[in-house]
Amino acid sequence: MEFTRVKISTTVPKEDADKLREAVGRAGAGIVGDYSFCSFSYTGQGRFIPSKDANPTIGEANKLEIVEEERIEVECERTMAKKVVEALKQAHPYEEVIVDVVPLLDIDQL
């Protein structure tokens, strides 16, 4: 089954959320009909332990870090997804960025 749109999601420290939303919007994500820069977000806690070889933006090697983060979700055309993910990674402060890309079905494909 073909799909033409995807949902792209990531988590980011709350203080970097607006910068990330701006970057993915400028890259072509978040266009829904006559609206642009559309996104959805919710907050939670991210947890991680940087290794001794990591270069963390937040935290210290071998120590558990808990960060207030925002999960941001945007939709875009499948053809724009690579550009949007590249913009997301450029705007993201973390050394390692987790990005989810999920194919979306149109209503008439159900």
C-alpha atoms as a PDB file:
ATOM      1  CA  MET A   1       0.000   0.000   0.000  1.00  0.00           C
ATOM      2  CA  GLU A   2       1.356   3.420  -0.938  1.00  0.00           C
ATOM      3  CA  PHE A   3       1.386   6.323   1.429  1.00  0.00           C
ATOM      4  CA  THR A   4       2.053   9.980   0.682  1.00  0.00           C
ATOM      5  CA  ARG A   5       2.340  11.463   4.193  1.00  0.00           C
ATOM      6  CA  VAL A   6       4.363  10.652   7.303  1.00  0.00           C
ATOM      7  CA  LYS A   7       4.328  11.680  10.954  1.00  0.00           C
ATOM      8  CA  ILE A   8       7.720  12.653  12.365  1.00  0.00           C
ATOM      9  CA  SER A   9       8.234  12.712  16.143  1.00  0.00           C
ATOM     10  CA  THR A  10      11.091  13.433  18.526  1.00  0.00           C
ATOM     11  CA  THR A  11      11.684  14.563  22.076  1.00  0.00           C
ATOM     12  CA  VAL A  12      13.693  17.666  22.944  1.00  0.00           C
ATOM     13  CA  PRO A  13      14.465  19.623  26.126  1.00  0.00           C
ATOM     14  CA  LYS A  14      11.581  22.051  26.731  1.00  0.00           C
ATOM     15  CA  GLU A  15      13.804  25.116  26.312  1.00  0.00           C
ATOM     16  CA  ASP A  16      14.723  23.992  22.762  1.00  0.00           C
ATOM     17  CA  ALA A  17      11.204  23.078  21.610  1.00  0.00           C
ATOM     18  CA  ASP A  18      10.315  26.360  19.861  1.00  0.00           C
ATOM     19  CA  LYS A  19      13.595  26.368  17.922  1.00  0.00           C
ATOM     20  CA  LEU A  20      12.960  22.798  16.751  1.00  0.00           C
ATOM     21  CA  ARG A  21       9.339  23.529  15.738  1.00  0.00           C
ATOM     22  CA  GLU A  22      10.523  26.540  13.739  1.00  0.00           C
ATOM     23  CA  ALA A  23      13.186  24.473  11.962  1.00  0.00           C
ATOM     24  CA  VAL A  24      10.871  21.643  10.903  1.00  0.00           C
ATOM     25  CA  GLY A  25       8.178  24.122   9.861  1.00  0.00           C
ATOM     26  CA  ARG A  26      10.644  25.977   7.641  1.00  0.00           C
ATOM     27  CA  ALA A  27      11.715  22.623   6.160  1.00  0.00           C
ATOM     28  CA  GLY A  28       8.134  21.908   5.037  1.00  0.00           C
ATOM     29  CA  ALA A  29       6.546  20.005   7.914  1.00  0.00           C
ATOM     30  CA  GLY A  30       3.258  20.918   9.533  1.00  0.00           C
ATOM     31  CA  ILE A  31       1.262  21.909   6.459  1.00  0.00           C
ATOM     32  CA  VAL A  32      -2.363  20.861   6.859  1.00  0.00           C
ATOM     33  CA  GLY A  33      -4.674  22.330   4.246  1.00  0.00           C
ATOM     34  CA  ASP A  34      -4.469  26.127   4.506  1.00  0.00           C
ATOM     35  CA  TYR A  35      -2.472  25.985   7.762  1.00  0.00           C
ATOM     36  CA  SER A  36       1.288  25.832   8.267  1.00  0.00           C
ATOM     37  CA  PHE A  37       3.646  25.188  11.192  1.00  0.00           C
ATOM     38  CA  CYS A  38       1.090  22.744  12.663  1.00  0.00           C
ATOM     39  CA  SER A  39       2.413  20.484  15.405  1.00  0.00           C
ATOM     40  CA  PHE A  40       1.346  18.681  18.527  1.00  0.00           C
ATOM     41  CA  SER A  41       3.410  18.375  21.677  1.00  0.00           C
ATOM     42  CA  TYR A  42       3.250  17.057  25.194  1.00  0.00           C
ATOM     43  CA  THR A  43       5.725  16.965  28.054  1.00  0.00           C
ATOM     44  CA  GLY A  44       7.411  14.173  29.931  1.00  0.00           C
ATOM     45  CA  GLN A  45      10.724  13.083  31.357  1.00  0.00           C
ATOM     46  CA  GLY A  46      13.586  11.715  29.312  1.00  0.00           C
ATOM     47  CA  ARG A  47      16.134   9.503  31.070  1.00  0.00           C
ATOM     48  CA  PHE A  48      19.608   8.484  29.971  1.00  0.00           C
ATOM     49  CA  ILE A  49      23.094   7.638  31.160  1.00  0.00           C
ATOM     50  CA  PRO A  50      25.901   8.995  28.964  1.00  0.00           C
ATOM     51  CA  SER A  51      28.826   6.608  28.478  1.00  0.00           C
ATOM     52  CA  LYS A  52      32.388   7.677  29.235  1.00  0.00           C
ATOM     53  CA  ASP A  53      32.855   8.241  25.482  1.00  0.00           C
ATOM     54  CA  ALA A  54      29.763  10.442  25.074  1.00  0.00           C
ATOM     55  CA  ASN A  55      29.802  14.205  24.712  1.00  0.00           C
ATOM     56  CA  PRO A  56      26.439  15.020  26.328  1.00  0.00           C
ATOM     57  CA  THR A  57      24.754  18.406  26.019  1.00  0.00           C
ATOM     58  CA  ILE A  58      23.185  17.720  29.401  1.00  0.00           C
ATOM     59  CA  GLY A  59      24.533  15.441  32.118  1.00  0.00           C
ATOM     60  CA  GLU A  60      27.733  13.651  33.045  1.00  0.00           C
ATOM     61  CA  ALA A  61      29.300  10.338  32.027  1.00  0.00           C
ATOM     62  CA  ASN A  62      27.995   7.263  33.869  1.00  0.00           C
ATOM     63  CA  LYS A  63      25.387   9.276  35.800  1.00  0.00           C
ATOM     64  CA  LEU A  64      21.615   8.995  35.316  1.00  0.00           C
ATOM     65  CA  GLU A  65      20.156  12.219  33.928  1.00  0.00           C
ATOM     66  CA  ILE A  66      16.452  13.107  33.965  1.00  0.00           C
ATOM     67  CA  VAL A  67      15.378  15.940  31.660  1.00  0.00           C
ATOM     68  CA  GLU A  68      12.014  17.674  31.258  1.00  0.00           C
ATOM     69  CA  GLU A  69      11.339  17.165  27.572  1.00  0.00           C
ATOM     70  CA  GLU A  70       8.661  17.949  25.037  1.00  0.00           C
ATOM     71  CA  ARG A  71       7.600  15.379  22.454  1.00  0.00           C
ATOM     72  CA  ILE A  72       6.899  17.139  19.174  1.00  0.00           C
ATOM     73  CA  GLU A  73       4.913  15.548  16.344  1.00  0.00           C
ATOM     74  CA  VAL A  74       4.507  16.959  12.847  1.00  0.00           C
ATOM     75  CA  GLU A  75       3.171  15.647   9.561  1.00  0.00           C
ATOM     76  CA  CYS A  76       4.640  16.175   6.127  1.00  0.00           C
ATOM     77  CA  GLU A  77       4.642  14.840   2.611  1.00  0.00           C
ATOM     78  CA  ARG A  78       6.727  11.696   2.297  1.00  0.00           C
ATOM     79  CA  THR A  79       8.839  13.434  -0.349  1.00  0.00           C
ATOM     80  CA  MET A  80       9.789  16.118   2.222  1.00  0.00           C
ATOM     81  CA  ALA A  81      10.542  13.729   5.096  1.00  0.00           C
ATOM     82  CA  LYS A  82      14.311  13.461   4.595  1.00  0.00           C
ATOM     83  CA  LYS A  83      14.672  17.258   4.457  1.00  0.00           C
ATOM     84  CA  VAL A  84      12.515  17.646   7.576  1.00  0.00           C
ATOM     85  CA  VAL A  85      14.520  15.029   9.515  1.00  0.00           C
ATOM     86  CA  GLU A  86      17.786  16.708   8.497  1.00  0.00           C
ATOM     87  CA  ALA A  87      16.457  20.095   9.723  1.00  0.00           C
ATOM     88  CA  LEU A  88      15.251  18.475  12.949  1.00  0.00           C
ATOM     89  CA  LYS A  89      18.688  16.986  13.631  1.00  0.00           C
ATOM     90  CA  GLN A  90      20.407  20.306  12.888  1.00  0.00           C
ATOM     91  CA  ALA A  91      18.148  22.132  15.362  1.00  0.00           C
ATOM     92  CA  HIS A  92      18.321  19.442  18.060  1.00  0.00           C
ATOM     93  CA  PRO A  93      20.839  19.973  20.882  1.00  0.00           C
ATOM     94  CA  TYR A  94      21.520  16.285  21.595  1.00  0.00           C
ATOM     95  CA  GLU A  95      24.506  14.336  20.304  1.00  0.00           C
ATOM     96  CA  GLU A  96      22.236  11.355  19.536  1.00  0.00           C
ATOM     97  CA  VAL A  97      18.709  12.171  18.343  1.00  0.00           C
ATOM     98  CA  ILE A  98      15.828   9.708  18.368  1.00  0.00           C
ATOM     99  CA  VAL A  99      13.416  10.313  15.493  1.00  0.00           C
ATOM    100  CA  ASP A 100      10.281   8.304  14.735  1.00  0.00           C
ATOM    101  CA  VAL A 101       8.921   8.344  11.170  1.00  0.00           C
ATOM    102  CA  VAL A 102       5.518   6.689  10.755  1.00  0.00           C
ATOM    103  CA  PRO A 103       3.680   6.259   7.432  1.00  0.00           C
ATOM    104  CA  LEU A 104       0.134   7.668   7.419  1.00  0.00           C
ATOM    105  CA  LEU A 105      -2.823   6.329   5.472  1.00  0.00           C
ATOM    106  CA  ASP A 106      -5.367   8.608   3.867  1.00  0.00           C
ATOM    107  CA  ILE A 107      -8.963   8.097   4.999  1.00  0.00           C
ATOM    108  CA  ASP A 108      -9.899   6.615   1.609  1.00  0.00           C
ATOM    109  CA  GLN A 109      -7.236   3.924   2.070  1.00  0.00           C
ATOM    110  CA  LEU A 110      -8.972   2.453   5.138  1.00  0.00           C
END
